[in-house]
């Protein structure tokens, strides 16, 4: 098992397992898990994520995660 930290931005924060007001969450995953599997764990629609960052570097859904990684999922901003 590995433990990673996920930070969901904007409206995606409503998908946190603990509380929508959480600043992020630690989650345990199987060794070899990908960003896509992490997003699926949180029921994040992949088409709603504009940018994925792992340890401050742009990443993609197929990126394999390691113990201690910090993942940020950022939706496309909207406004007027």
N, C-alpha and C. Protein backbone atom coordinates (compact mmCIF):
# COMPACT_ATOMS: atom_id res chain seq x y z
N UNK A 1 0.85 -1.19 0.00
CA UNK A 1 0.00 0.00 0.00
C UNK A 1 0.88 1.24 0.00
N UNK A 2 0.34 2.29 -0.62
CA UNK A 2 0.99 3.60 -0.58
C UNK A 2 -0.01 4.61 -0.02
N UNK A 3 0.50 5.68 0.53
CA UNK A 3 -0.34 6.76 1.02
C UNK A 3 0.02 8.02 0.26
N UNK A 4 -1.01 8.67 -0.31
CA UNK A 4 -0.81 9.91 -1.06
C UNK A 4 -1.74 10.97 -0.49
N UNK A 5 -1.47 12.21 -0.86
CA UNK A 5 -2.29 13.34 -0.44
C UNK A 5 -2.95 13.92 -1.67
N UNK A 6 -4.28 14.06 -1.64
CA UNK A 6 -4.99 14.64 -2.77
C UNK A 6 -5.61 15.96 -2.36
N UNK A 7 -5.51 16.90 -3.27
CA UNK A 7 -6.09 18.23 -3.09
C UNK A 7 -6.99 18.47 -4.29
N UNK A 8 -8.30 18.58 -4.04
CA UNK A 8 -9.28 18.84 -5.09
C UNK A 8 -9.65 20.31 -5.04
N UNK A 9 -9.56 20.98 -6.18
CA UNK A 9 -9.81 22.41 -6.23
C UNK A 9 -11.25 22.72 -6.65
N UNK A 10 -11.70 23.90 -6.26
CA UNK A 10 -13.00 24.41 -6.69
C UNK A 10 -14.15 23.47 -6.36
N UNK A 11 -15.07 23.30 -7.32
CA UNK A 11 -16.25 22.47 -7.06
C UNK A 11 -15.93 20.99 -6.84
N UNK A 12 -14.75 20.55 -7.22
CA UNK A 12 -14.37 19.15 -7.00
C UNK A 12 -14.25 18.83 -5.51
N UNK A 13 -14.06 19.86 -4.68
CA UNK A 13 -13.92 19.63 -3.23
C UNK A 13 -15.14 18.97 -2.63
N UNK A 14 -16.29 19.09 -3.27
CA UNK A 14 -17.50 18.43 -2.77
C UNK A 14 -17.38 16.92 -2.80
N UNK A 15 -16.36 16.40 -3.46
CA UNK A 15 -16.19 14.96 -3.59
C UNK A 15 -15.29 14.35 -2.52
N UNK A 16 -14.74 15.18 -1.61
CA UNK A 16 -13.91 14.65 -0.54
C UNK A 16 -14.71 13.64 0.28
N UNK A 17 -14.03 12.62 0.78
CA UNK A 17 -14.69 11.59 1.59
C UNK A 17 -15.02 12.11 2.99
N UNK A 18 -14.19 13.02 3.53
CA UNK A 18 -14.40 13.47 4.90
C UNK A 18 -15.31 14.68 4.99
N UNK A 19 -14.99 15.75 4.27
CA UNK A 19 -15.76 16.99 4.37
C UNK A 19 -15.45 17.89 3.18
N UNK A 20 -16.47 18.53 2.60
CA UNK A 20 -16.22 19.46 1.49
C UNK A 20 -15.32 20.63 1.88
N UNK A 21 -15.22 20.91 3.17
CA UNK A 21 -14.39 22.03 3.61
C UNK A 21 -12.94 21.60 3.88
N UNK A 22 -12.65 20.32 3.67
CA UNK A 22 -11.28 19.82 3.91
C UNK A 22 -10.29 20.53 2.98
N UNK A 23 -9.09 20.70 3.44
CA UNK A 23 -8.02 21.31 2.64
C UNK A 23 -7.33 20.27 1.77
N UNK A 24 -7.67 19.02 1.95
CA UNK A 24 -7.09 17.91 1.23
C UNK A 24 -7.24 16.66 2.07
N UNK A 25 -6.90 15.53 1.50
CA UNK A 25 -7.04 14.28 2.23
C UNK A 25 -5.89 13.34 1.91
N UNK A 26 -5.56 12.53 2.90
CA UNK A 26 -4.64 11.42 2.67
C UNK A 26 -5.47 10.21 2.32
N UNK A 27 -4.97 9.42 1.39
CA UNK A 27 -5.70 8.22 0.98
C UNK A 27 -4.70 7.10 0.75
N UNK A 28 -5.07 5.89 1.14
CA UNK A 28 -4.24 4.71 0.91
C UNK A 28 -4.69 4.05 -0.39
N UNK A 29 -3.72 3.71 -1.23
CA UNK A 29 -3.98 3.07 -2.52
C UNK A 29 -3.07 1.86 -2.66
N UNK A 30 -3.41 1.01 -3.61
CA UNK A 30 -2.55 -0.13 -3.92
C UNK A 30 -1.29 0.35 -4.63
N UNK A 31 -0.20 -0.32 -4.37
CA UNK A 31 1.07 -0.05 -5.06
C UNK A 31 0.81 -0.10 -6.57
N UNK A 32 1.34 0.87 -7.31
CA UNK A 32 1.18 0.89 -8.76
C UNK A 32 -0.07 1.61 -9.24
N UNK A 33 -0.84 2.20 -8.32
CA UNK A 33 -2.04 2.93 -8.71
C UNK A 33 -1.69 4.15 -9.54
N UNK A 34 -2.63 4.55 -10.39
CA UNK A 34 -2.44 5.70 -11.27
C UNK A 34 -3.30 6.87 -10.80
N UNK A 35 -3.04 8.02 -11.39
CA UNK A 35 -3.86 9.20 -11.11
C UNK A 35 -5.31 8.90 -11.47
N UNK A 36 -5.55 8.24 -12.59
CA UNK A 36 -6.92 7.92 -13.02
C UNK A 36 -7.63 7.08 -11.96
N UNK A 37 -6.94 6.12 -11.39
CA UNK A 37 -7.54 5.29 -10.35
C UNK A 37 -7.84 6.10 -9.09
N UNK A 38 -6.98 7.04 -8.77
CA UNK A 38 -7.23 7.92 -7.63
C UNK A 38 -8.47 8.77 -7.89
N UNK A 39 -8.58 9.34 -9.08
CA UNK A 39 -9.75 10.15 -9.41
C UNK A 39 -11.02 9.29 -9.36
N UNK A 40 -10.93 8.05 -9.84
CA UNK A 40 -12.09 7.15 -9.78
C UNK A 40 -12.49 6.87 -8.34
N UNK A 41 -11.50 6.75 -7.45
CA UNK A 41 -11.77 6.51 -6.03
C UNK A 41 -12.66 7.62 -5.46
N UNK A 42 -12.48 8.83 -5.96
CA UNK A 42 -13.25 9.99 -5.50
C UNK A 42 -14.43 10.31 -6.40
N UNK A 43 -14.69 9.45 -7.39
CA UNK A 43 -15.78 9.68 -8.34
C UNK A 43 -15.66 11.02 -9.06
N UNK A 44 -14.43 11.42 -9.35
CA UNK A 44 -14.18 12.66 -10.08
C UNK A 44 -14.35 12.38 -11.57
N UNK A 45 -15.28 13.08 -12.24
CA UNK A 45 -15.42 12.91 -13.68
C UNK A 45 -14.14 13.41 -14.37
N UNK A 46 -13.49 12.54 -15.11
CA UNK A 46 -12.20 12.89 -15.72
C UNK A 46 -12.32 14.10 -16.64
N UNK A 47 -13.47 14.27 -17.29
CA UNK A 47 -13.63 15.40 -18.21
C UNK A 47 -13.77 16.74 -17.48
N UNK A 48 -13.94 16.70 -16.18
CA UNK A 48 -14.05 17.94 -15.38
C UNK A 48 -12.69 18.42 -14.87
N UNK A 49 -11.66 17.59 -15.03
CA UNK A 49 -10.33 17.95 -14.55
C UNK A 49 -9.52 18.54 -15.70
N UNK A 50 -9.16 19.81 -15.55
CA UNK A 50 -8.40 20.51 -16.58
C UNK A 50 -6.90 20.30 -16.42
N UNK A 51 -6.44 20.19 -15.19
CA UNK A 51 -5.01 20.08 -14.91
C UNK A 51 -4.78 19.13 -13.74
N UNK A 52 -3.82 18.23 -13.92
CA UNK A 52 -3.39 17.32 -12.86
C UNK A 52 -1.93 17.62 -12.55
N UNK A 53 -1.63 17.80 -11.28
CA UNK A 53 -0.27 18.10 -10.86
C UNK A 53 0.14 17.07 -9.80
N UNK A 54 1.28 16.44 -10.01
CA UNK A 54 1.83 15.50 -9.03
C UNK A 54 3.19 16.05 -8.60
N UNK A 55 3.30 16.34 -7.33
CA UNK A 55 4.55 16.89 -6.77
C UNK A 55 5.03 18.11 -7.55
N UNK A 56 4.08 19.01 -7.82
CA UNK A 56 4.34 20.29 -8.48
C UNK A 56 4.77 20.17 -9.94
N UNK A 57 4.50 19.02 -10.56
CA UNK A 57 4.79 18.83 -11.98
C UNK A 57 3.54 18.35 -12.69
N UNK A 58 3.29 18.90 -13.88
CA UNK A 58 2.13 18.49 -14.66
C UNK A 58 2.19 16.99 -14.92
N UNK A 59 1.03 16.34 -14.78
CA UNK A 59 0.95 14.89 -14.94
C UNK A 59 -0.31 14.54 -15.72
N UNK A 60 -0.44 13.29 -16.04
CA UNK A 60 -1.61 12.81 -16.75
C UNK A 60 -2.28 11.68 -16.00
N UNK A 61 -3.43 11.22 -16.51
CA UNK A 61 -4.18 10.16 -15.83
C UNK A 61 -3.39 8.86 -15.67
N UNK A 62 -2.47 8.58 -16.59
CA UNK A 62 -1.71 7.32 -16.54
C UNK A 62 -0.49 7.38 -15.62
N UNK A 63 -0.23 8.55 -15.03
CA UNK A 63 0.92 8.70 -14.14
C UNK A 63 0.79 7.76 -12.95
N UNK A 64 1.82 6.96 -12.71
CA UNK A 64 1.84 6.04 -11.56
C UNK A 64 2.22 6.83 -10.31
N UNK A 65 1.53 6.52 -9.23
CA UNK A 65 1.75 7.23 -7.98
C UNK A 65 2.69 6.44 -7.07
N UNK A 66 3.42 7.20 -6.24
CA UNK A 66 4.34 6.62 -5.28
C UNK A 66 3.96 7.10 -3.88
N UNK A 67 4.41 6.37 -2.89
CA UNK A 67 4.14 6.74 -1.51
C UNK A 67 4.62 8.17 -1.26
N UNK A 68 3.74 8.98 -0.65
CA UNK A 68 4.10 10.35 -0.30
C UNK A 68 3.80 11.38 -1.37
N UNK A 69 3.32 10.95 -2.55
CA UNK A 69 3.02 11.91 -3.61
C UNK A 69 1.90 12.86 -3.19
N UNK A 70 1.97 14.08 -3.71
CA UNK A 70 0.92 15.07 -3.52
C UNK A 70 0.28 15.34 -4.88
N UNK A 71 -1.02 15.12 -4.98
CA UNK A 71 -1.74 15.25 -6.23
C UNK A 71 -2.76 16.37 -6.12
N UNK A 72 -2.77 17.21 -7.13
CA UNK A 72 -3.77 18.28 -7.22
C UNK A 72 -4.58 18.09 -8.48
N UNK A 73 -5.90 18.12 -8.35
CA UNK A 73 -6.81 18.02 -9.48
C UNK A 73 -7.54 19.36 -9.59
N UNK A 74 -7.35 20.03 -10.72
CA UNK A 74 -7.84 21.38 -10.88
C UNK A 74 -8.81 21.44 -12.07
N UNK A 75 -10.05 21.88 -11.82
CA UNK A 75 -11.01 22.00 -12.92
C UNK A 75 -10.77 23.27 -13.72
N UNK A 76 -11.38 23.33 -14.89
CA UNK A 76 -11.32 24.54 -15.69
C UNK A 76 -12.13 25.62 -14.96
N UNK A 77 -11.53 26.79 -14.81
CA UNK A 77 -12.22 27.88 -14.11
C UNK A 77 -13.27 28.49 -15.03
N UNK A 78 -14.35 28.92 -14.43
CA UNK A 78 -15.40 29.59 -15.19
C UNK A 78 -15.75 30.88 -14.46
N UNK A 79 -16.18 31.81 -15.19
CA UNK A 79 -16.55 33.08 -14.58
C UNK A 79 -17.09 34.03 -15.62
N UNK A 80 -17.43 35.19 -15.15
CA UNK A 80 -18.02 36.12 -16.11
C UNK A 80 -17.70 37.54 -15.78
